[in-house]
């Protein structure tokens, strides 16, 4: 910044020096016919006008330009500062979300393992319960089958006895006549009489 201030000052000094030396060079080139007092007066008047113009320009234009440049620099610095803050905030958010994502991924893995473990335990419980039910059903079926078989045997015995009695009665009716019946009744009465 100090060199940029020096460069316009050096340029201004070089310009003033060349303006001061220009009439001397013109006088030397012209052979000297013109009155040197008039030329010097004219030269000094021009230098004064130029210096006054440069001074007024510097006084009135330099300050607003400097203020404008300062305001622009401050605006750029503020924008850079805001951008840096935004970048820092974005990086902090990124780190925060990265950590949350890592934790969520870890939690998902743990939940997956827990669900798998619970599923295996539930499967084992269901299989054990199914085996117990199957054994119970099998025992009940065997008990019912045994009961049905026992009942069927009893019914078959009763049916066989009933059929035997019916067949025997039919056979007796066919083969026993009235005299056989009389004889059987008498034998029965005789046996009953002997028992009493």
N, C-alpha and C. Protein backbone atom coordinates (compact mmCIF):
# COMPACT_ATOMS: atom_id res chain seq x y z
N UNK A 1 0.82 -1.18 0.00
CA UNK A 1 0.00 0.00 0.00
C UNK A 1 0.87 1.25 0.00
N UNK A 2 2.02 1.23 0.67
CA UNK A 2 2.89 2.41 0.71
C UNK A 2 3.51 2.66 -0.65
N UNK A 3 3.76 1.61 -1.46
CA UNK A 3 4.31 1.83 -2.80
C UNK A 3 3.28 2.44 -3.71
N UNK A 4 1.99 2.03 -3.52
CA UNK A 4 0.96 2.62 -4.37
C UNK A 4 0.80 4.11 -4.07
N UNK A 5 1.04 4.53 -2.82
CA UNK A 5 0.99 5.97 -2.50
C UNK A 5 2.20 6.67 -3.09
N UNK A 6 3.35 6.03 -3.08
CA UNK A 6 4.57 6.65 -3.60
C UNK A 6 4.53 6.77 -5.11
N UNK A 7 3.98 5.81 -5.78
CA UNK A 7 3.98 5.83 -7.24
C UNK A 7 3.24 7.04 -7.79
N UNK A 8 2.02 7.36 -7.32
CA UNK A 8 1.38 8.58 -7.84
C UNK A 8 2.17 9.83 -7.44
N UNK A 9 2.79 9.84 -6.25
CA UNK A 9 3.57 11.01 -5.83
C UNK A 9 4.79 11.17 -6.73
N UNK A 10 5.46 10.07 -7.04
CA UNK A 10 6.63 10.15 -7.93
C UNK A 10 6.21 10.58 -9.33
N UNK A 11 5.09 10.06 -9.77
CA UNK A 11 4.60 10.43 -11.10
C UNK A 11 4.28 11.93 -11.14
N UNK A 12 3.68 12.40 -10.08
CA UNK A 12 3.35 13.83 -10.01
C UNK A 12 4.63 14.67 -10.00
N UNK A 13 5.64 14.27 -9.23
CA UNK A 13 6.91 15.01 -9.21
C UNK A 13 7.59 14.98 -10.57
N UNK A 14 7.54 13.84 -11.23
CA UNK A 14 8.15 13.74 -12.56
C UNK A 14 7.44 14.64 -13.54
N UNK A 15 6.11 14.70 -13.44
CA UNK A 15 5.33 15.55 -14.32
C UNK A 15 5.65 17.04 -14.08
N UNK A 16 5.71 17.42 -12.82
CA UNK A 16 6.02 18.83 -12.49
C UNK A 16 7.44 19.18 -12.95
N UNK A 17 8.37 18.27 -12.75
CA UNK A 17 9.75 18.54 -13.18
C UNK A 17 9.83 18.68 -14.69
N UNK A 18 9.09 17.82 -15.42
CA UNK A 18 9.15 17.93 -16.88
C UNK A 18 8.49 19.23 -17.36
N UNK A 19 7.46 19.66 -16.65
CA UNK A 19 6.83 20.92 -17.02
C UNK A 19 7.75 22.10 -16.74
N UNK A 20 8.51 22.01 -15.68
CA UNK A 20 9.45 23.08 -15.37
C UNK A 20 10.60 23.10 -16.37
N UNK A 21 11.03 21.96 -16.80
CA UNK A 21 12.16 21.90 -17.72
C UNK A 21 11.75 22.12 -19.18
N UNK A 22 10.47 21.93 -19.49
CA UNK A 22 10.00 22.08 -20.86
C UNK A 22 10.22 23.50 -21.41
N UNK A 23 9.88 24.57 -20.68
CA UNK A 23 10.15 25.91 -21.24
C UNK A 23 11.64 26.19 -21.39
N UNK A 24 12.44 25.64 -20.48
CA UNK A 24 13.88 25.88 -20.62
C UNK A 24 14.41 25.21 -21.86
N UNK A 25 13.89 24.02 -22.13
CA UNK A 25 14.30 23.30 -23.34
C UNK A 25 13.82 24.03 -24.58
N UNK A 26 12.59 24.57 -24.53
CA UNK A 26 12.05 25.31 -25.67
C UNK A 26 12.85 26.59 -25.90
N UNK A 27 13.25 27.23 -24.82
CA UNK A 27 14.03 28.45 -24.91
C UNK A 27 15.41 28.17 -25.50
N UNK A 28 16.00 27.09 -25.09
CA UNK A 28 17.31 26.74 -25.60
C UNK A 28 17.23 26.36 -27.06
N UNK A 29 16.15 25.74 -27.47
CA UNK A 29 15.99 25.33 -28.85
C UNK A 29 15.66 26.53 -29.74
N UNK A 30 15.00 27.55 -29.20
CA UNK A 30 14.54 28.69 -29.99
C UNK A 30 15.65 29.72 -30.22
N UNK A 31 16.71 29.68 -29.66
CA UNK A 31 17.79 30.62 -29.89
C UNK A 31 17.74 31.81 -28.97
N UNK A 32 16.74 31.98 -28.15
CA UNK A 32 16.73 33.02 -27.14
C UNK A 32 16.15 34.34 -27.60
N UNK A 33 15.31 34.48 -28.62
CA UNK A 33 14.79 35.77 -29.02
C UNK A 33 13.71 36.28 -28.12
N UNK A 34 13.05 35.43 -27.43
CA UNK A 34 11.94 35.90 -26.62
C UNK A 34 12.50 36.36 -25.29
N UNK A 35 11.80 37.31 -24.72
CA UNK A 35 12.21 37.87 -23.44
C UNK A 35 12.10 36.78 -22.39
N UNK A 36 13.16 36.53 -21.68
CA UNK A 36 13.17 35.45 -20.71
C UNK A 36 12.29 35.76 -19.53
N UNK A 37 12.06 37.00 -19.18
CA UNK A 37 11.19 37.35 -18.06
C UNK A 37 9.75 37.01 -18.39
N UNK A 38 9.34 37.26 -19.62
CA UNK A 38 7.96 36.95 -20.03
C UNK A 38 7.76 35.46 -20.04
N UNK A 39 8.73 34.77 -20.56
CA UNK A 39 8.63 33.29 -20.61
C UNK A 39 8.60 32.71 -19.21
N UNK A 40 9.43 33.22 -18.36
CA UNK A 40 9.47 32.71 -16.99
C UNK A 40 8.17 32.99 -16.29
N UNK A 41 7.63 34.19 -16.50
CA UNK A 41 6.37 34.56 -15.89
C UNK A 41 5.25 33.65 -16.40
N UNK A 42 5.22 33.44 -17.73
CA UNK A 42 4.22 32.56 -18.33
C UNK A 42 4.38 31.14 -17.81
N UNK A 43 5.61 30.71 -17.70
CA UNK A 43 5.88 29.35 -17.23
C UNK A 43 5.43 29.20 -15.78
N UNK A 44 5.78 30.18 -14.96
CA UNK A 44 5.39 30.10 -13.55
C UNK A 44 3.87 30.16 -13.40
N UNK A 45 3.22 30.96 -14.24
CA UNK A 45 1.76 31.03 -14.20
C UNK A 45 1.16 29.66 -14.56
N UNK A 46 1.69 29.05 -15.56
CA UNK A 46 1.19 27.73 -15.98
C UNK A 46 1.47 26.67 -14.91
N UNK A 47 2.65 26.72 -14.33
CA UNK A 47 2.99 25.76 -13.26
C UNK A 47 2.05 25.97 -12.08
N UNK A 48 1.78 27.22 -11.75
CA UNK A 48 0.88 27.51 -10.64
C UNK A 48 -0.53 26.98 -10.94
N UNK A 49 -1.03 27.24 -12.16
CA UNK A 49 -2.35 26.74 -12.55
C UNK A 49 -2.39 25.21 -12.49
N UNK A 50 -1.35 24.60 -13.01
CA UNK A 50 -1.30 23.14 -13.02
C UNK A 50 -1.25 22.61 -11.59
N UNK A 51 -0.41 23.21 -10.76
CA UNK A 51 -0.29 22.77 -9.37
C UNK A 51 -1.60 22.97 -8.64
N UNK A 52 -2.27 24.08 -8.91
CA UNK A 52 -3.56 24.34 -8.28
C UNK A 52 -4.58 23.30 -8.73
N UNK A 53 -4.59 22.99 -10.03
CA UNK A 53 -5.52 21.98 -10.56
C UNK A 53 -5.23 20.62 -9.95
N UNK A 54 -3.97 20.26 -9.89
CA UNK A 54 -3.61 18.97 -9.29
C UNK A 54 -3.96 18.96 -7.82
N UNK A 55 -3.70 20.03 -7.11
CA UNK A 55 -4.02 20.10 -5.68
C UNK A 55 -5.51 19.99 -5.43
N UNK A 56 -6.31 20.72 -6.25
CA UNK A 56 -7.77 20.63 -6.11
C UNK A 56 -8.27 19.23 -6.41
N UNK A 57 -7.72 18.65 -7.48
CA UNK A 57 -8.11 17.28 -7.81
C UNK A 57 -7.76 16.32 -6.67
N UNK A 58 -6.55 16.47 -6.15
CA UNK A 58 -6.13 15.59 -5.05
C UNK A 58 -7.01 15.83 -3.84
N UNK A 59 -7.32 17.09 -3.53
CA UNK A 59 -8.12 17.42 -2.35
C UNK A 59 -9.54 16.88 -2.48
N UNK A 60 -10.16 17.11 -3.64
CA UNK A 60 -11.56 16.74 -3.78
C UNK A 60 -11.77 15.29 -4.25
N UNK A 61 -10.89 14.74 -5.02
CA UNK A 61 -11.10 13.42 -5.61
C UNK A 61 -10.41 12.33 -4.80
N UNK A 62 -9.27 12.62 -4.24
CA UNK A 62 -8.50 11.57 -3.55
C UNK A 62 -9.25 11.03 -2.34
N UNK A 63 -9.85 11.91 -1.54
CA UNK A 63 -10.53 11.46 -0.32
C UNK A 63 -11.72 10.56 -0.66
N UNK A 64 -12.64 10.95 -1.58
CA UNK A 64 -13.73 10.03 -1.91
C UNK A 64 -13.24 8.72 -2.51
N UNK A 65 -12.20 8.82 -3.35
CA UNK A 65 -11.65 7.58 -3.93
C UNK A 65 -11.07 6.71 -2.83
N UNK A 66 -10.31 7.33 -1.92
CA UNK A 66 -9.74 6.60 -0.80
C UNK A 66 -10.84 5.98 0.06
N UNK A 67 -11.88 6.79 0.35
CA UNK A 67 -13.00 6.28 1.16
C UNK A 67 -13.72 5.13 0.44
N UNK A 68 -13.93 5.32 -0.85
CA UNK A 68 -14.58 4.26 -1.64
C UNK A 68 -13.74 2.99 -1.65
N UNK A 69 -12.41 3.17 -1.85
CA UNK A 69 -11.54 2.00 -1.86
C UNK A 69 -11.50 1.34 -0.48
N UNK A 70 -11.48 2.18 0.57
CA UNK A 70 -11.47 1.64 1.94
C UNK A 70 -12.78 0.87 2.20
N UNK A 71 -13.91 1.48 1.79
CA UNK A 71 -15.20 0.82 1.98
C UNK A 71 -15.25 -0.50 1.20
N UNK A 72 -14.72 -0.45 -0.01
CA UNK A 72 -14.69 -1.67 -0.83
C UNK A 72 -13.81 -2.72 -0.17
N UNK A 73 -12.64 -2.30 0.34
CA UNK A 73 -11.74 -3.24 1.00
C UNK A 73 -12.41 -3.83 2.25
N UNK A 74 -13.07 -2.95 3.03
CA UNK A 74 -13.76 -3.43 4.23
C UNK A 74 -14.89 -4.39 3.86
N UNK A 75 -15.62 -4.06 2.78
CA UNK A 75 -16.70 -4.95 2.34
C UNK A 75 -16.13 -6.31 1.92
N UNK A 76 -15.01 -6.28 1.20
CA UNK A 76 -14.37 -7.54 0.77
C UNK A 76 -13.87 -8.31 1.99
N UNK A 77 -13.25 -7.60 2.94
CA UNK A 77 -12.78 -8.27 4.16
C UNK A 77 -13.95 -8.89 4.92
N UNK A 78 -15.07 -8.12 5.00
CA UNK A 78 -16.26 -8.64 5.70
C UNK A 78 -16.79 -9.86 4.97
N UNK A 79 -16.84 -9.79 3.64
CA UNK A 79 -17.32 -10.94 2.86
C UNK A 79 -16.41 -12.14 3.08
N UNK A 80 -15.09 -11.90 3.10
CA UNK A 80 -14.15 -13.01 3.34
C UNK A 80 -14.33 -13.58 4.74
N UNK A 81 -14.52 -12.68 5.72
CA UNK A 81 -14.74 -13.13 7.10
C UNK A 81 -16.03 -13.94 7.21
N UNK A 82 -17.11 -13.40 6.58
CA UNK A 82 -18.40 -14.12 6.60
C UNK A 82 -18.28 -15.47 5.89
N UNK A 83 -17.56 -15.47 4.77
CA UNK A 83 -17.37 -16.73 4.04
C UNK A 83 -16.58 -17.73 4.89
N UNK A 84 -15.56 -17.24 5.60
CA UNK A 84 -14.77 -18.12 6.47
C UNK A 84 -15.64 -18.67 7.60
N UNK A 85 -16.47 -17.78 8.19
CA UNK A 85 -17.37 -18.23 9.25
C UNK A 85 -18.37 -19.26 8.71
N UNK A 86 -18.92 -19.00 7.52
CA UNK A 86 -19.86 -19.93 6.92
C UNK A 86 -19.18 -21.27 6.63
N UNK A 87 -17.94 -21.18 6.16
CA UNK A 87 -17.19 -22.41 5.88
C UNK A 87 -16.93 -23.19 7.17
N UNK A 88 -16.53 -22.47 8.23
CA UNK A 88 -16.29 -23.13 9.52
C UNK A 88 -17.58 -23.76 10.05
N UNK A 89 -18.71 -23.01 9.92
CA UNK A 89 -19.99 -23.55 10.38
C UNK A 89 -20.38 -24.78 9.56
N UNK A 90 -20.16 -24.71 8.24
CA UNK A 90 -20.48 -25.85 7.38
C UNK A 90 -19.61 -27.06 7.74
N UNK A 91 -18.33 -26.81 7.99
CA UNK A 91 -17.44 -27.92 8.37
C UNK A 91 -17.86 -28.52 9.70
N UNK A 92 -18.28 -27.65 10.65
CA UNK A 92 -18.75 -28.15 11.96
C UNK A 92 -20.01 -28.99 11.77
N UNK A 93 -20.95 -28.50 10.94
CA UNK A 93 -22.17 -29.27 10.67
C UNK A 93 -21.82 -30.59 9.99
N UNK A 94 -20.88 -30.55 9.05
CA UNK A 94 -20.47 -31.77 8.36
C UNK A 94 -19.90 -32.78 9.34
N UNK A 95 -19.03 -32.30 10.24
CA UNK A 95 -18.47 -33.21 11.25
C UNK A 95 -19.58 -33.77 12.14
N UNK A 96 -20.50 -32.87 12.55
CA UNK A 96 -21.61 -33.30 13.42
C UNK A 96 -22.45 -34.37 12.72
N UNK A 97 -22.82 -34.11 11.46
CA UNK A 97 -23.64 -35.07 10.74
C UNK A 97 -22.87 -36.35 10.43
N UNK A 98 -21.57 -36.22 10.19
CA UNK A 98 -20.76 -37.42 9.97
C UNK A 98 -20.74 -38.28 11.22
N UNK A 99 -20.59 -37.64 12.38
CA UNK A 99 -20.60 -38.38 13.64
C UNK A 99 -21.96 -39.03 13.86
N UNK A 100 -23.04 -38.26 13.60
CA UNK A 100 -24.38 -38.82 13.77
C UNK A 100 -24.60 -40.00 12.82
N UNK A 101 -24.12 -39.86 11.59
CA UNK A 101 -24.26 -40.94 10.62
C UNK A 101 -23.49 -42.17 11.06
N UNK A 102 -22.28 -41.96 11.58
CA UNK A 102 -21.49 -43.09 12.06
C UNK A 102 -22.19 -43.77 13.23
N UNK A 103 -22.74 -42.95 14.16
CA UNK A 103 -23.46 -43.53 15.30
C UNK A 103 -24.70 -44.27 14.82
N UNK A 104 -25.43 -43.67 13.87
CA UNK A 104 -26.64 -44.31 13.35
C UNK A 104 -26.30 -45.63 12.67
N UNK A 105 -25.21 -45.65 11.91
CA UNK A 105 -24.78 -46.87 11.25
C UNK A 105 -24.45 -47.94 12.28
N UNK A 106 -23.75 -47.53 13.33
CA UNK A 106 -23.40 -48.46 14.40
C UNK A 106 -24.65 -48.97 15.10
N UNK A 107 -25.61 -48.06 15.37
CA UNK A 107 -26.86 -48.47 16.03
C UNK A 107 -27.65 -49.42 15.15
N UNK A 108 -27.68 -49.15 13.85
CA UNK A 108 -28.38 -50.03 12.92
C UNK A 108 -27.76 -51.42 12.94
N UNK A 109 -26.43 -51.47 12.96
CA UNK A 109 -25.75 -52.78 13.02
C UNK A 109 -26.11 -53.50 14.32
N UNK A 110 -26.12 -52.77 15.44
CA UNK A 110 -26.47 -53.38 16.73
C UNK A 110 -27.93 -53.86 16.72
N UNK A 111 -28.81 -53.05 16.17
CA UNK A 111 -30.23 -53.44 16.09
C UNK A 111 -30.38 -54.68 15.22
N UNK A 112 -29.65 -54.71 14.12
CA UNK A 112 -29.71 -55.86 13.23
C UNK A 112 -29.28 -57.13 13.97
N UNK A 113 -28.19 -57.03 14.73
CA UNK A 113 -27.69 -58.19 15.49
C UNK A 113 -28.72 -58.59 16.54
N UNK A 114 -29.30 -57.60 17.24
CA UNK A 114 -30.29 -57.89 18.28
C UNK A 114 -31.53 -58.55 17.67
N UNK A 115 -31.99 -58.04 16.54
CA UNK A 115 -33.16 -58.61 15.88
C UNK A 115 -32.87 -60.04 15.45
N UNK A 116 -31.69 -60.27 14.91
CA UNK A 116 -31.32 -61.62 14.48
C UNK A 116 -31.29 -62.55 15.68
N UNK A 117 -30.69 -62.08 16.79
CA UNK A 117 -30.62 -62.90 18.00
C UNK A 117 -32.02 -63.20 18.52
N UNK A 118 -32.89 -62.16 18.57
CA UNK A 118 -34.26 -62.37 19.03
C UNK A 118 -35.02 -63.31 18.11
N UNK A 119 -34.79 -63.17 16.82
CA UNK A 119 -35.43 -64.07 15.85
C UNK A 119 -35.02 -65.51 16.06
N UNK A 120 -33.73 -65.73 16.30
CA UNK A 120 -33.25 -67.09 16.55
C UNK A 120 -33.84 -67.65 17.84
N UNK A 121 -33.90 -66.80 18.89
CA UNK A 121 -34.49 -67.26 20.16
C UNK A 121 -35.97 -67.58 19.96
N UNK A 122 -36.68 -66.72 19.24
CA UNK A 122 -38.10 -66.96 18.99
C UNK A 122 -38.30 -68.23 18.17
N UNK A 123 -37.43 -68.43 17.18
CA UNK A 123 -37.51 -69.66 16.37
C UNK A 123 -37.32 -70.88 17.25
N UNK A 124 -36.32 -70.83 18.16
CA UNK A 124 -36.07 -71.96 19.06
C UNK A 124 -37.27 -72.18 19.97
N UNK A 125 -37.86 -71.08 20.49
CA UNK A 125 -39.04 -71.23 21.35
C UNK A 125 -40.21 -71.85 20.58
N UNK A 126 -40.41 -71.39 19.35
CA UNK A 126 -41.51 -71.92 18.54
C UNK A 126 -41.28 -73.40 18.25
N UNK A 127 -40.04 -73.74 17.90
CA UNK A 127 -39.74 -75.16 17.61
C UNK A 127 -39.95 -76.02 18.85
N UNK A 128 -39.50 -75.53 20.01
CA UNK A 128 -39.68 -76.29 21.25
C UNK A 128 -41.16 -76.43 21.56
N UNK A 129 -41.91 -75.36 21.42
CA UNK A 129 -43.35 -75.41 21.66
C UNK A 129 -44.03 -76.36 20.68
N UNK A 130 -43.62 -76.30 19.41
CA UNK A 130 -44.20 -77.21 18.40
C UNK A 130 -43.89 -78.66 18.74
N UNK A 131 -42.67 -78.93 19.17
CA UNK A 131 -42.31 -80.31 19.56
C UNK A 131 -43.16 -80.78 20.74
N UNK A 132 -43.29 -79.88 21.74
CA UNK A 132 -44.10 -80.24 22.90
C UNK A 132 -45.54 -80.49 22.49
N UNK A 133 -46.09 -79.61 21.61
CA UNK A 133 -47.46 -79.81 21.15
C UNK A 133 -47.60 -81.11 20.37
N UNK A 134 -46.61 -81.37 19.51
CA UNK A 134 -46.65 -82.60 18.71
C UNK A 134 -46.63 -83.82 19.64
N UNK A 135 -45.78 -83.79 20.66
CA UNK A 135 -45.73 -84.91 21.61
C UNK A 135 -47.05 -85.04 22.34
N UNK A 136 -47.60 -83.92 22.78
CA UNK A 136 -48.88 -83.93 23.50
C UNK A 136 -49.99 -84.46 22.60
N UNK A 137 -50.03 -83.95 21.35
CA UNK A 137 -51.06 -84.40 20.40
C UNK A 137 -50.90 -85.88 20.12
N UNK A 138 -49.67 -86.31 19.98
CA UNK A 138 -49.39 -87.74 19.72
C UNK A 138 -49.88 -88.59 20.90
N UNK A 139 -49.60 -88.12 22.13
CA UNK A 139 -50.04 -88.86 23.31
C UNK A 139 -51.56 -88.87 23.39
N UNK A 140 -52.18 -87.71 23.13
CA UNK A 140 -53.64 -87.65 23.14
C UNK A 140 -54.22 -88.57 22.08
N UNK A 141 -53.60 -88.57 20.89
CA UNK A 141 -54.08 -89.43 19.82
C UNK A 141 -53.94 -90.90 20.22
N UNK A 142 -52.81 -91.25 20.83
CA UNK A 142 -52.62 -92.63 21.28
C UNK A 142 -53.64 -92.98 22.34
N UNK A 143 -53.85 -92.04 23.30
CA UNK A 143 -54.84 -92.30 24.36
C UNK A 143 -56.23 -92.46 23.75
N UNK A 144 -56.58 -91.56 22.82
CA UNK A 144 -57.89 -91.66 22.19
C UNK A 144 -57.99 -92.94 21.38
N UNK A 145 -56.93 -93.27 20.67
CA UNK A 145 -56.95 -94.49 19.87
C UNK A 145 -57.09 -95.71 20.78
N UNK A 146 -56.36 -95.69 21.89
CA UNK A 146 -56.48 -96.81 22.84
C UNK A 146 -57.89 -96.88 23.40
N UNK A 147 -58.46 -95.72 23.73
CA UNK A 147 -59.84 -95.69 24.23
C UNK A 147 -60.81 -96.18 23.19
N UNK A 148 -60.61 -95.73 21.94
CA UNK A 148 -61.50 -96.16 20.86
C UNK A 148 -61.37 -97.66 20.64
N UNK A 149 -60.13 -98.15 20.68
CA UNK A 149 -59.92 -99.60 20.49
C UNK A 149 -60.57 -100.37 21.62
N UNK A 150 -60.38 -99.90 22.87
CA UNK A 150 -60.98 -100.58 24.03
C UNK A 150 -62.50 -100.56 23.92
N UNK A 151 -63.03 -99.40 23.55
CA UNK A 151 -64.48 -99.28 23.41
C UNK A 151 -64.98 -100.17 22.28
N UNK A 152 -64.23 -100.16 21.16
CA UNK A 152 -64.62 -101.00 20.03
C UNK A 152 -64.58 -102.47 20.41
N UNK A 153 -63.57 -102.87 21.18
CA UNK A 153 -63.48 -104.27 21.63
C UNK A 153 -64.68 -104.63 22.51
N UNK A 154 -65.00 -103.69 23.44
CA UNK A 154 -66.14 -103.94 24.33
C UNK A 154 -67.42 -104.05 23.52
N UNK A 155 -67.59 -103.13 22.55
CA UNK A 155 -68.78 -103.17 21.72
C UNK A 155 -68.82 -104.45 20.90
N UNK A 156 -67.61 -104.84 20.38
CA UNK A 156 -67.56 -106.08 19.61
C UNK A 156 -67.92 -107.29 20.49
N UNK A 157 -67.44 -107.29 21.73
CA UNK A 157 -67.76 -108.39 22.65
C UNK A 157 -69.27 -108.43 22.92
N UNK A 158 -69.81 -107.20 23.18
CA UNK A 158 -71.25 -107.15 23.44
C UNK A 158 -72.03 -107.63 22.23
N UNK A 159 -71.60 -107.15 21.05
CA UNK A 159 -72.27 -107.54 19.81
C UNK A 159 -72.14 -109.02 19.59
N UNK A 160 -70.90 -109.53 19.83
CA UNK A 160 -70.68 -110.98 19.65
C UNK A 160 -71.54 -111.77 20.62
N UNK A 161 -71.64 -111.31 21.88
CA UNK A 161 -72.46 -112.02 22.87
C UNK A 161 -73.93 -111.96 22.47
N UNK A 162 -74.38 -110.78 22.04
CA UNK A 162 -75.77 -110.63 21.64
C UNK A 162 -76.08 -111.52 20.45
N UNK A 163 -75.15 -111.49 19.46
CA UNK A 163 -75.35 -112.34 18.28
C UNK A 163 -75.33 -113.82 18.67
N UNK A 164 -74.45 -114.15 19.62
CA UNK A 164 -74.36 -115.56 20.06
C UNK A 164 -75.67 -115.97 20.70
N UNK A 165 -76.21 -115.08 21.53
CA UNK A 165 -77.47 -115.40 22.20
C UNK A 165 -78.58 -115.53 21.17
N UNK A 166 -78.60 -114.61 20.20
CA UNK A 166 -79.63 -114.64 19.17
C UNK A 166 -79.51 -115.90 18.34
N UNK A 167 -78.28 -116.21 17.93
CA UNK A 167 -78.07 -117.43 17.13
C UNK A 167 -78.44 -118.68 17.94
N UNK A 168 -78.02 -118.65 19.20
CA UNK A 168 -78.34 -119.82 20.05
C UNK A 168 -79.84 -119.96 20.20
N UNK A 169 -80.54 -118.82 20.36
CA UNK A 169 -81.99 -118.87 20.51
C UNK A 169 -82.64 -119.39 19.25
N UNK A 170 -82.13 -118.89 18.11
CA UNK A 170 -82.68 -119.36 16.83
C UNK A 170 -82.42 -120.84 16.65
N UNK A 171 -81.21 -121.26 16.98
CA UNK A 171 -80.86 -122.67 16.85
C UNK A 171 -81.74 -123.53 17.79
N UNK A 172 -81.88 -123.02 18.99
CA UNK A 172 -82.68 -123.78 19.96
C UNK A 172 -84.14 -123.86 19.48
N UNK A 173 -84.62 -122.76 18.93
CA UNK A 173 -86.00 -122.78 18.46
C UNK A 173 -86.15 -123.77 17.31
N UNK A 174 -85.17 -123.85 16.47
CA UNK A 174 -85.25 -124.75 15.32
C UNK A 174 -85.08 -126.21 15.77
N UNK A 175 -84.18 -126.44 16.69
CA UNK A 175 -83.84 -127.82 17.03
C UNK A 175 -84.62 -128.34 18.26
N UNK A 176 -85.04 -127.48 19.10
CA UNK A 176 -85.74 -127.96 20.31
C UNK A 176 -87.25 -127.91 20.02
N UNK A 177 -87.89 -129.01 20.33
CA UNK A 177 -89.34 -129.06 20.13
C UNK A 177 -90.03 -128.93 21.48
N UNK A 178 -91.33 -129.19 21.55
CA UNK A 178 -92.10 -128.96 22.77
C UNK A 178 -91.73 -129.98 23.84
N UNK A 179 -91.46 -131.21 23.49
CA UNK A 179 -91.11 -132.20 24.48
C UNK A 179 -89.74 -131.92 25.06
N UNK A 180 -88.80 -131.39 24.22
CA UNK A 180 -87.45 -131.02 24.71
C UNK A 180 -87.56 -129.84 25.66
N UNK A 181 -88.46 -128.96 25.33
CA UNK A 181 -88.63 -127.79 26.20
C UNK A 181 -89.17 -128.23 27.55
N UNK A 182 -90.13 -129.18 27.55
CA UNK A 182 -90.70 -129.66 28.79
C UNK A 182 -89.65 -130.34 29.61
N UNK A 183 -88.83 -131.13 29.00
CA UNK A 183 -87.77 -131.85 29.68
C UNK A 183 -86.77 -130.87 30.25
N UNK A 184 -86.38 -129.83 29.55
CA UNK A 184 -85.41 -128.83 30.02
C UNK A 184 -85.97 -128.07 31.21
N UNK A 185 -87.24 -127.74 31.19
CA UNK A 185 -87.85 -127.02 32.30
C UNK A 185 -87.85 -127.91 33.54
N UNK A 186 -88.12 -129.15 33.38
CA UNK A 186 -88.14 -130.06 34.52
C UNK A 186 -86.74 -130.23 35.09
N UNK A 187 -85.74 -130.33 34.22
CA UNK A 187 -84.36 -130.48 34.69
C UNK A 187 -83.92 -129.23 35.44
N UNK A 188 -84.34 -128.11 34.91
CA UNK A 188 -83.98 -126.85 35.56
C UNK A 188 -84.63 -126.77 36.92
N UNK A 189 -85.87 -127.15 37.04
CA UNK A 189 -86.57 -127.08 38.30
C UNK A 189 -85.95 -128.05 39.30
N UNK A 190 -85.55 -129.16 38.85
CA UNK A 190 -84.92 -130.15 39.69
C UNK A 190 -83.61 -129.62 40.23
N UNK A 191 -82.82 -129.00 39.43
CA UNK A 191 -81.53 -128.43 39.86
C UNK A 191 -81.75 -127.31 40.83
N UNK A 192 -82.74 -126.49 40.61
CA UNK A 192 -83.04 -125.38 41.51
C UNK A 192 -83.51 -125.96 42.85
N UNK A 193 -84.28 -126.99 42.78
CA UNK A 193 -84.77 -127.60 44.03
C UNK A 193 -83.65 -128.22 44.82
N UNK A 194 -82.65 -128.72 44.14
CA UNK A 194 -81.51 -129.32 44.82
C UNK A 194 -80.66 -128.24 45.46
N UNK A 195 -80.61 -127.15 44.91
CA UNK A 195 -79.78 -126.06 45.46
C UNK A 195 -80.40 -125.48 46.71
N UNK A 196 -81.73 -125.56 46.89
CA UNK A 196 -82.33 -124.95 48.05
C UNK A 196 -82.47 -125.94 49.10
